[in-house]
Amino acid sequence: MKSTMKTMAARGLGLALAAMPCAARACDACMGGKDPNIRPAVNGAIFFMLGLVAMMAGLVGLFMRYLVKRGRMPVAAHDELIQMITIPEGPSHV
C-alpha cells in the first residue's frame, strides 16, 4: 500500500513539473543573460573545481600505490636480526 502511494506521489510530482516548463529553465547566468562575460567565467570555475577533484583523486591513488609498493618491499636485514634476538613474552623457565 505504501509503495503504491509513493509511486503515485512520484508520478504526480513528475506530471506537475512537466506542466510547468518555466520552472525547469536554467538561471540567466547559465543561459547567457545580459552580460556576455558571465558564461566563460562560470565555465572556468566549473572546470577549475573539476580539476581540483581530479587532482585529489589522483593524489589519493598515488599514495595508495606508494603504500602497496612499500608494503611489498623486503624487511631490512637488521630488522630481521632484531626480531630474532628479542625474547618473546611468556612464562619464564627458571
PDB file of N, CA and C in Angstrom:
ATOM      1  N   MET A   1       0.826  -1.196   0.000  1.00  0.00           N
ATOM      2  CA  MET A   1       0.000   0.000   0.000  1.00  0.00           C
ATOM      3  C   MET A   1       0.866   1.253   0.000  1.00  0.00           C
ATOM      4  N   LYS A   2       1.929   1.227   0.829  1.00  0.00           N
ATOM      5  CA  LYS A   2       2.805   2.395   0.900  1.00  0.00           C
ATOM      6  C   LYS A   2       3.570   2.588  -0.400  1.00  0.00           C
ATOM      7  N   SER A   3       3.969   1.479  -1.041  1.00  0.00           N
ATOM      8  CA  SER A   3       4.734   1.603  -2.285  1.00  0.00           C
ATOM      9  C   SER A   3       3.868   2.192  -3.396  1.00  0.00           C
ATOM     10  N   THR A   4       2.571   1.848  -3.439  1.00  0.00           N
ATOM     11  CA  THR A   4       1.695   2.422  -4.458  1.00  0.00           C
ATOM     12  C   THR A   4       1.469   3.903  -4.198  1.00  0.00           C
ATOM     13  N   MET A   5       1.411   4.303  -2.920  1.00  0.00           N
ATOM     14  CA  MET A   5       1.251   5.726  -2.597  1.00  0.00           C
ATOM     15  C   MET A   5       2.491   6.502  -3.019  1.00  0.00           C
ATOM     16  N   LYS A   6       3.674   5.917  -2.783  1.00  0.00           N
ATOM     17  CA  LYS A   6       4.915   6.583  -3.184  1.00  0.00           C
ATOM     18  C   LYS A   6       4.996   6.692  -4.699  1.00  0.00           C
ATOM     19  N   THR A   7       4.589   5.636  -5.392  1.00  0.00           N
ATOM     20  CA  THR A   7       4.616   5.646  -6.848  1.00  0.00           C
ATOM     21  C   THR A   7       3.667   6.698  -7.395  1.00  0.00           C
ATOM     22  N   MET A   8       2.483   6.773  -6.835  1.00  0.00           N
ATOM     23  CA  MET A   8       1.502   7.764  -7.288  1.00  0.00           C
ATOM     24  C   MET A   8       1.989   9.179  -6.995  1.00  0.00           C
ATOM     25  N   ALA A   9       2.631   9.372  -5.835  1.00  0.00           N
ATOM     26  CA  ALA A   9       3.146  10.699  -5.493  1.00  0.00           C
ATOM     27  C   ALA A   9       4.279  11.095  -6.445  1.00  0.00           C
ATOM     28  N   ALA A  10       5.143  10.167  -6.795  1.00  0.00           N
ATOM     29  CA  ALA A  10       6.240  10.453  -7.719  1.00  0.00           C
ATOM     30  C   ALA A  10       5.709  10.776  -9.106  1.00  0.00           C
ATOM     31  N   ARG A  11       4.711  10.034  -9.551  1.00  0.00           N
ATOM     32  CA  ARG A  11       4.114  10.322 -10.857  1.00  0.00           C
ATOM     33  C   ARG A  11       3.425  11.669 -10.865  1.00  0.00           C
ATOM     34  N   GLY A  12       2.727  11.983  -9.784  1.00  0.00           N
ATOM     35  CA  GLY A  12       2.060  13.280  -9.694  1.00  0.00           C
ATOM     36  C   GLY A  12       3.057  14.426  -9.707  1.00  0.00           C
ATOM     37  N   LEU A  13       4.158  14.262  -8.990  1.00  0.00           N
ATOM     38  CA  LEU A  13       5.197  15.293  -8.981  1.00  0.00           C
ATOM     39  C   LEU A  13       5.806  15.452 -10.367  1.00  0.00           C
ATOM     40  N   GLY A  14       6.042  14.338 -11.042  1.00  0.00           N
ATOM     41  CA  GLY A  14       6.584  14.399 -12.400  1.00  0.00           C
ATOM     42  C   GLY A  14       5.644  15.100 -13.358  1.00  0.00           C
ATOM     43  N   LEU A  15       4.356  14.815 -13.259  1.00  0.00           N
ATOM     44  CA  LEU A  15       3.378  15.491 -14.120  1.00  0.00           C
ATOM     45  C   LEU A  15       3.278  16.971 -13.805  1.00  0.00           C
ATOM     46  N   ALA A  16       3.354  17.320 -12.522  1.00  0.00           N
ATOM     47  CA  ALA A  16       3.290  18.729 -12.138  1.00  0.00           C
ATOM     48  C   ALA A  16       4.496  19.494 -12.680  1.00  0.00           C
ATOM     49  N   LEU A  17       5.691  18.890 -12.610  1.00  0.00           N
ATOM     50  CA  LEU A  17       6.871  19.555 -13.151  1.00  0.00           C
ATOM     51  C   LEU A  17       6.832  19.634 -14.674  1.00  0.00           C
ATOM     52  N   ALA A  18       6.263  18.613 -15.317  1.00  0.00           N
ATOM     53  CA  ALA A  18       6.145  18.645 -16.772  1.00  0.00           C
ATOM     54  C   ALA A  18       5.147  19.712 -17.222  1.00  0.00           C
ATOM     55  N   ALA A  19       4.179  20.028 -16.386  1.00  0.00           N
ATOM     56  CA  ALA A  19       3.187  21.038 -16.737  1.00  0.00           C
ATOM     57  C   ALA A  19       3.736  22.454 -16.567  1.00  0.00           C
ATOM     58  N   MET A  20       4.859  22.604 -15.873  1.00  0.00           N
ATOM     59  CA  MET A  20       5.449  23.936 -15.654  1.00  0.00           C
ATOM     60  C   MET A  20       6.841  23.986 -16.272  1.00  0.00           C
ATOM     61  N   PRO A  21       6.967  24.152 -17.583  1.00  0.00           N
ATOM     62  CA  PRO A  21       8.296  24.163 -18.205  1.00  0.00           C
ATOM     63  C   PRO A  21       9.126  25.380 -17.790  1.00  0.00           C
ATOM     64  N   CYS A  22       8.483  26.452 -17.364  1.00  0.00           N
ATOM     65  CA  CYS A  22       9.248  27.629 -16.959  1.00  0.00           C
ATOM     66  C   CYS A  22      10.049  27.348 -15.687  1.00  0.00           C
ATOM     67  N   ALA A  23       9.607  26.430 -14.856  1.00  0.00           N
ATOM     68  CA  ALA A  23      10.335  26.100 -13.634  1.00  0.00           C
ATOM     69  C   ALA A  23      11.574  25.266 -13.929  1.00  0.00           C
ATOM     70  N   ALA A  24      11.614  24.622 -15.090  1.00  0.00           N
ATOM     71  CA  ALA A  24      12.748  23.775 -15.433  1.00  0.00           C
ATOM     72  C   ALA A  24      13.853  24.534 -16.151  1.00  0.00           C
ATOM     73  N   ARG A  25      13.657  25.801 -16.457  1.00  0.00           N
ATOM     74  CA  ARG A  25      14.679  26.578 -17.154  1.00  0.00           C
ATOM     75  C   ARG A  25      15.841  26.889 -16.234  1.00  0.00           C
ATOM     76  N   ALA A  26      16.988  27.070 -16.824  1.00  0.00           N
ATOM     77  CA  ALA A  26      18.176  27.443 -16.049  1.00  0.00           C
ATOM     78  C   ALA A  26      18.132  28.940 -15.744  1.00  0.00           C
ATOM     79  N   CYS A  27      18.981  29.349 -14.824  1.00  0.00           N
ATOM     80  CA  CYS A  27      19.028  30.762 -14.454  1.00  0.00           C
ATOM     81  C   CYS A  27      19.652  31.594 -15.580  1.00  0.00           C
ATOM     82  N   ASP A  28      19.559  32.899 -15.485  1.00  0.00           N
ATOM     83  CA  ASP A  28      20.082  33.775 -16.526  1.00  0.00           C
ATOM     84  C   ASP A  28      21.592  33.653 -16.675  1.00  0.00           C
ATOM     85  N   ALA A  29      22.295  33.394 -15.588  1.00  0.00           N
ATOM     86  CA  ALA A  29      23.752  33.286 -15.674  1.00  0.00           C
ATOM     87  C   ALA A  29      24.148  32.081 -16.531  1.00  0.00           C
ATOM     88  N   CYS A  30      23.411  30.977 -16.394  1.00  0.00           N
ATOM     89  CA  CYS A  30      23.739  29.775 -17.171  1.00  0.00           C
ATOM     90  C   CYS A  30      23.276  29.914 -18.620  1.00  0.00           C
ATOM     91  N   MET A  31      22.229  30.653 -18.852  1.00  0.00           N
ATOM     92  CA  MET A  31      21.681  30.773 -20.196  1.00  0.00           C
ATOM     93  C   MET A  31      22.316  31.910 -20.991  1.00  0.00           C
ATOM     94  N   GLY A  32      23.203  32.646 -20.389  1.00  0.00           N
ATOM     95  CA  GLY A  32      23.871  33.705 -21.134  1.00  0.00           C
ATOM     96  C   GLY A  32      23.581  35.073 -20.565  1.00  0.00           C
ATOM     97  N   GLY A  33      22.364  35.315 -20.171  1.00  0.00           N
ATOM     98  CA  GLY A  33      21.994  36.569 -19.541  1.00  0.00           C
ATOM     99  C   GLY A  33      22.332  37.786 -20.394  1.00  0.00           C
ATOM    100  N   LYS A  34      22.383  38.942 -19.747  1.00  0.00           N
ATOM    101  CA  LYS A  34      22.675  40.196 -20.448  1.00  0.00           C
ATOM    102  C   LYS A  34      24.179  40.457 -20.535  1.00  0.00           C
ATOM    103  N   ASP A  35      24.956  39.881 -19.606  1.00  0.00           N
ATOM    104  CA  ASP A  35      26.396  40.104 -19.585  1.00  0.00           C
ATOM    105  C   ASP A  35      27.091  38.923 -20.268  1.00  0.00           C
ATOM    106  N   PRO A  36      27.739  39.149 -21.405  1.00  0.00           N
ATOM    107  CA  PRO A  36      28.368  38.022 -22.118  1.00  0.00           C
ATOM    108  C   PRO A  36      29.625  37.490 -21.428  1.00  0.00           C
ATOM    109  N   ASN A  37      30.140  38.158 -20.405  1.00  0.00           N
ATOM    110  CA  ASN A  37      31.357  37.713 -19.735  1.00  0.00           C
ATOM    111  C   ASN A  37      31.080  36.675 -18.646  1.00  0.00           C
ATOM    112  N   ILE A  38      29.816  36.457 -18.320  1.00  0.00           N
ATOM    113  CA  ILE A  38      29.493  35.546 -17.217  1.00  0.00           C
ATOM    114  C   ILE A  38      29.714  34.088 -17.624  1.00  0.00           C
ATOM    115  N   ARG A  39      29.300  33.715 -18.818  1.00  0.00           N
ATOM    116  CA  ARG A  39      29.383  32.307 -19.232  1.00  0.00           C
ATOM    117  C   ARG A  39      30.828  31.783 -19.211  1.00  0.00           C
ATOM    118  N   PRO A  40      31.817  32.486 -19.772  1.00  0.00           N
ATOM    119  CA  PRO A  40      33.187  31.955 -19.690  1.00  0.00           C
ATOM    120  C   PRO A  40      33.702  31.881 -18.249  1.00  0.00           C
ATOM    121  N   ALA A  41      33.283  32.822 -17.417  1.00  0.00           N
ATOM    122  CA  ALA A  41      33.721  32.790 -16.014  1.00  0.00           C
ATOM    123  C   ALA A  41      33.115  31.599 -15.285  1.00  0.00           C
ATOM    124  N   VAL A  42      31.838  31.326 -15.523  1.00  0.00           N
ATOM    125  CA  VAL A  42      31.183  30.180 -14.885  1.00  0.00           C
ATOM    126  C   VAL A  42      31.808  28.881 -15.391  1.00  0.00           C
ATOM    127  N   ASN A  43      32.052  28.799 -16.696  1.00  0.00           N
ATOM    128  CA  ASN A  43      32.683  27.594 -17.252  1.00  0.00           C
ATOM    129  C   ASN A  43      34.084  27.401 -16.670  1.00  0.00           C
ATOM    130  N   GLY A  44      34.832  28.477 -16.537  1.00  0.00           N
ATOM    131  CA  GLY A  44      36.166  28.387 -15.950  1.00  0.00           C
ATOM    132  C   GLY A  44      36.116  27.906 -14.510  1.00  0.00           C
ATOM    133  N   ALA A  45      35.155  28.406 -13.743  1.00  0.00           N
ATOM    134  CA  ALA A  45      35.024  27.974 -12.345  1.00  0.00           C
ATOM    135  C   ALA A  45      34.653  26.497 -12.264  1.00  0.00           C
ATOM    136  N   ILE A  46      33.774  26.041 -13.136  1.00  0.00           N
ATOM    137  CA  ILE A  46      33.368  24.637 -13.131  1.00  0.00           C
ATOM    138  C   ILE A  46      34.553  23.742 -13.473  1.00  0.00           C
ATOM    139  N   PHE A  47      35.302  24.097 -14.518  1.00  0.00           N
ATOM    140  CA  PHE A  47      36.449  23.266 -14.899  1.00  0.00           C
ATOM    141  C   PHE A  47      37.554  23.311 -13.838  1.00  0.00           C
ATOM    142  N   PHE A  48      37.704  24.453 -13.164  1.00  0.00           N
ATOM    143  CA  PHE A  48      38.685  24.535 -12.083  1.00  0.00           C
ATOM    144  C   PHE A  48      38.314  23.585 -10.947  1.00  0.00           C
ATOM    145  N   MET A  49      37.036  23.570 -10.560  1.00  0.00           N
ATOM    146  CA  MET A  49      36.608  22.669  -9.484  1.00  0.00           C
ATOM    147  C   MET A  49      36.720  21.206  -9.904  1.00  0.00           C
ATOM    148  N   LEU A  50      36.389  20.896 -11.160  1.00  0.00           N
ATOM    149  CA  LEU A  50      36.558  19.522 -11.647  1.00  0.00           C
ATOM    150  C   LEU A  50      38.029  19.122 -11.648  1.00  0.00           C
ATOM    151  N   GLY A  51      38.903  20.075 -11.993  1.00  0.00           N
ATOM    152  CA  GLY A  51      40.335  19.807 -11.956  1.00  0.00           C
ATOM    153  C   GLY A  51      40.829  19.526 -10.551  1.00  0.00           C
ATOM    154  N   LEU A  52      40.307  20.267  -9.572  1.00  0.00           N
ATOM    155  CA  LEU A  52      40.700  20.024  -8.182  1.00  0.00           C
ATOM    156  C   LEU A  52      40.274  18.637  -7.722  1.00  0.00           C
ATOM    157  N   VAL A  53      39.067  18.240  -8.078  1.00  0.00           N
ATOM    158  CA  VAL A  53      38.582  16.913  -7.694  1.00  0.00           C
ATOM    159  C   VAL A  53      39.430  15.828  -8.359  1.00  0.00           C
ATOM    160  N   ALA A  54      39.750  15.998  -9.636  1.00  0.00           N
ATOM    161  CA  ALA A  54      40.569  15.013 -10.345  1.00  0.00           C
ATOM    162  C   ALA A  54      41.975  14.952  -9.749  1.00  0.00           C
ATOM    163  N   MET A  55      42.529  16.102  -9.380  1.00  0.00           N
ATOM    164  CA  MET A  55      43.861  16.120  -8.794  1.00  0.00           C
ATOM    165  C   MET A  55      43.871  15.408  -7.443  1.00  0.00           C
ATOM    166  N   MET A  56      42.870  15.652  -6.622  1.00  0.00           N
ATOM    167  CA  MET A  56      42.818  14.999  -5.313  1.00  0.00           C
ATOM    168  C   MET A  56      42.645  13.487  -5.468  1.00  0.00           C
ATOM    169  N   ALA A  57      41.810  13.061  -6.401  1.00  0.00           N
ATOM    170  CA  ALA A  57      41.628  11.624  -6.626  1.00  0.00           C
ATOM    171  C   ALA A  57      42.925  10.996  -7.129  1.00  0.00           C
ATOM    172  N   GLY A  58      43.640  11.697  -7.991  1.00  0.00           N
ATOM    173  CA  GLY A  58      44.918  11.199  -8.475  1.00  0.00           C
ATOM    174  C   GLY A  58      45.956  11.094  -7.372  1.00  0.00           C
ATOM    175  N   LEU A  59      45.993  12.093  -6.489  1.00  0.00           N
ATOM    176  CA  LEU A  59      46.944  12.049  -5.381  1.00  0.00           C
ATOM    177  C   LEU A  59      46.623  10.924  -4.404  1.00  0.00           C
ATOM    178  N   VAL A  60      45.355  10.678  -4.153  1.00  0.00           N
ATOM    179  CA  VAL A  60      44.976   9.555  -3.289  1.00  0.00           C
ATOM    180  C   VAL A  60      45.407   8.240  -3.937  1.00  0.00           C
ATOM    181  N   GLY A  61      45.218   8.115  -5.249  1.00  0.00           N
ATOM    182  CA  GLY A  61      45.650   6.912  -5.963  1.00  0.00           C
ATOM    183  C   GLY A  61      47.159   6.723  -5.907  1.00  0.00           C
ATOM    184  N   LEU A  62      47.915   7.821  -6.069  1.00  0.00           N
ATOM    185  CA  LEU A  62      49.372   7.717  -5.978  1.00  0.00           C
ATOM    186  C   LEU A  62      49.819   7.324  -4.578  1.00  0.00           C
ATOM    187  N   PHE A  63      49.156   7.848  -3.559  1.00  0.00           N
ATOM    188  CA  PHE A  63      49.509   7.491  -2.183  1.00  0.00           C
ATOM    189  C   PHE A  63      49.216   6.018  -1.926  1.00  0.00           C
ATOM    190  N   MET A  64      48.099   5.519  -2.429  1.00  0.00           N
ATOM    191  CA  MET A  64      47.777   4.102  -2.257  1.00  0.00           C
ATOM    192  C   MET A  64      48.802   3.233  -2.982  1.00  0.00           C
ATOM    193  N   ARG A  65      49.220   3.657  -4.172  1.00  0.00           N
ATOM    194  CA  ARG A  65      50.250   2.926  -4.910  1.00  0.00           C
ATOM    195  C   ARG A  65      51.558   2.908  -4.120  1.00  0.00           C
ATOM    196  N   TYR A  66      51.912   4.033  -3.517  1.00  0.00           N
ATOM    197  CA  TYR A  66      53.117   4.110  -2.687  1.00  0.00           C
ATOM    198  C   TYR A  66      53.024   3.144  -1.513  1.00  0.00           C
ATOM    199  N   LEU A  67      51.872   3.088  -0.859  1.00  0.00           N
ATOM    200  CA  LEU A  67      51.719   2.189   0.285  1.00  0.00           C
ATOM    201  C   LEU A  67      51.828   0.727  -0.130  1.00  0.00           C
ATOM    202  N   VAL A  68      51.244   0.366  -1.269  1.00  0.00           N
ATOM    203  CA  VAL A  68      51.332  -1.010  -1.748  1.00  0.00           C
ATOM    204  C   VAL A  68      52.778  -1.349  -2.094  1.00  0.00           C
ATOM    205  N   LYS A  69      53.456  -0.441  -2.768  1.00  0.00           N
ATOM    206  CA  LYS A  69      54.844  -0.679  -3.150  1.00  0.00           C
ATOM    207  C   LYS A  69      55.728  -0.819  -1.915  1.00  0.00           C
ATOM    208  N   ARG A  70      55.499   0.014  -0.917  1.00  0.00           N
ATOM    209  CA  ARG A  70      56.308  -0.052   0.299  1.00  0.00           C
ATOM    210  C   ARG A  70      55.989  -1.315   1.103  1.00  0.00           C
ATOM    211  N   GLY A  71      54.750  -1.750   1.074  1.00  0.00           N
ATOM    212  CA  GLY A  71      54.373  -2.964   1.791  1.00  0.00           C
ATOM    213  C   GLY A  71      54.980  -4.217   1.194  1.00  0.00           C
ATOM    214  N   ARG A  72      55.290  -4.195  -0.098  1.00  0.00           N
ATOM    215  CA  ARG A  72      55.876  -5.359  -0.761  1.00  0.00           C
ATOM    216  C   ARG A  72      57.396  -5.413  -0.635  1.00  0.00           C
ATOM    217  N   MET A  73      58.003  -4.340  -0.144  1.00  0.00           N
ATOM    218  CA  MET A  73      59.460  -4.320  -0.007  1.00  0.00           C
ATOM    219  C   MET A  73      59.891  -5.292   1.086  1.00  0.00           C
ATOM    220  N   PRO A  74      61.049  -5.941   0.910  1.00  0.00           N
ATOM    221  CA  PRO A  74      61.526  -6.854   1.949  1.00  0.00           C
ATOM    222  C   PRO A  74      61.981  -6.087   3.185  1.00  0.00           C
ATOM    223  N   VAL A  75      61.947  -6.772   4.299  1.00  0.00           N
ATOM    224  CA  VAL A  75      62.376  -6.173   5.556  1.00  0.00           C
ATOM    225  C   VAL A  75      63.895  -6.078   5.548  1.00  0.00           C
ATOM    226  N   ALA A  76      64.439  -5.007   6.076  1.00  0.00           N
ATOM    227  CA  ALA A  76      65.884  -4.835   6.132  1.00  0.00           C
ATOM    228  C   ALA A  76      66.512  -5.919   7.013  1.00  0.00           C
ATOM    229  N   ALA A  77      67.760  -6.244   6.727  1.00  0.00           N
ATOM    230  CA  ALA A  77      68.432  -7.338   7.439  1.00  0.00           C
ATOM    231  C   ALA A  77      68.529  -7.067   8.935  1.00  0.00           C
ATOM    232  N   HIS A  78      68.837  -5.844   9.327  1.00  0.00           N
ATOM    233  CA  HIS A  78      68.983  -5.567  10.757  1.00  0.00           C
ATOM    234  C   HIS A  78      67.644  -5.672  11.490  1.00  0.00           C
ATOM    235  N   ASP A  79      66.542  -5.400  10.809  1.00  0.00           N
ATOM    236  CA  ASP A  79      65.233  -5.561  11.454  1.00  0.00           C
ATOM    237  C   ASP A  79      64.928  -7.035  11.697  1.00  0.00           C
ATOM    238  N   GLU A  80      65.286  -7.895  10.740  1.00  0.00           N
ATOM    239  CA  GLU A  80      65.078  -9.330  10.934  1.00  0.00           C
ATOM    240  C   GLU A  80      65.932  -9.842  12.087  1.00  0.00           C
ATOM    241  N   LEU A  81      67.164  -9.332  12.201  1.00  0.00           N
ATOM    242  CA  LEU A  81      68.052  -9.757  13.276  1.00  0.00           C
ATOM    243  C   LEU A  81      67.486  -9.349  14.630  1.00  0.00           C
ATOM    244  N   ILE A  82      66.970  -8.134  14.718  1.00  0.00           N
ATOM    245  CA  ILE A  82      66.385  -7.662  15.980  1.00  0.00           C
ATOM    246  C   ILE A  82      65.180  -8.519  16.346  1.00  0.00           C
ATOM    247  N   GLN A  83      64.365  -8.890  15.371  1.00  0.00           N
ATOM    248  CA  GLN A  83      63.197  -9.729  15.649  1.00  0.00           C
ATOM    249  C   GLN A  83      63.609 -11.124  16.107  1.00  0.00           C
ATOM    250  N   MET A  84      64.722 -11.644  15.597  1.00  0.00           N
ATOM    251  CA  MET A  84      65.174 -12.969  16.022  1.00  0.00           C
ATOM    252  C   MET A  84      65.798 -12.922  17.417  1.00  0.00           C
ATOM    253  N   ILE A  85      66.444 -11.807  17.769  1.00  0.00           N
ATOM    254  CA  ILE A  85      67.139 -11.716  19.060  1.00  0.00           C
ATOM    255  C   ILE A  85      66.159 -11.492  20.202  1.00  0.00           C
ATOM    256  N   THR A  86      65.113 -10.721  19.971  1.00  0.00           N
ATOM    257  CA  THR A  86      64.194 -10.405  21.075  1.00  0.00           C
ATOM    258  C   THR A  86      63.529 -11.671  21.584  1.00  0.00           C
ATOM    259  N   ILE A  87      63.433 -11.738  22.872  1.00  0.00           N
ATOM    260  CA  ILE A  87      62.828 -12.901  23.537  1.00  0.00           C
ATOM    261  C   ILE A  87      61.324 -12.647  23.636  1.00  0.00           C
ATOM    262  N   PRO A  88      60.516 -13.555  23.129  1.00  0.00           N
ATOM    263  CA  PRO A  88      59.067 -13.344  23.206  1.00  0.00           C
ATOM    264  C   PRO A  88      58.600 -13.383  24.650  1.00  0.00           C
ATOM    265  N   GLU A  89      57.580 -12.589  24.911  1.00  0.00           N
ATOM    266  CA  GLU A  89      56.985 -12.559  26.258  1.00  0.00           C
ATOM    267  C   GLU A  89      56.268 -13.869  26.515  1.00  0.00           C
ATOM    268  N   GLY A  90      56.422 -14.399  27.691  1.00  0.00           N
ATOM    269  CA  GLY A  90      55.769 -15.637  28.021  1.00  0.00           C
ATOM    270  C   GLY A  90      56.266 -16.140  29.362  1.00  0.00           C
ATOM    271  N   PRO A  91      55.903 -17.342  29.713  1.00  0.00           N
ATOM    272  CA  PRO A  91      56.350 -17.863  31.011  1.00  0.00           C
ATOM    273  C   PRO A  91      57.866 -18.054  31.009  1.00  0.00           C
ATOM    274  N   SER A  92      58.483 -17.643  32.103  1.00  0.00           N
ATOM    275  CA  SER A  92      59.943 -17.769  32.193  1.00  0.00           C
ATOM    276  C   SER A  92      60.307 -19.164  32.686  1.00  0.00           C
ATOM    277  N   HIS A  93      61.395 -19.689  32.168  1.00  0.00           N
ATOM    278  CA  HIS A  93      61.887 -21.005  32.573  1.00  0.00           C
ATOM    279  C   HIS A  93      63.092 -20.811  33.481  1.00  0.00           C
ATOM    280  N   VAL A  94      62.868 -20.932  34.732  1.00  0.00           N
ATOM    281  CA  VAL A  94      63.939 -20.712  35.693  1.00  0.00           C
ATOM    282  C   VAL A  94      64.517 -22.006  36.179  1.00  0.00           C
TER     283      VAL A  94
END
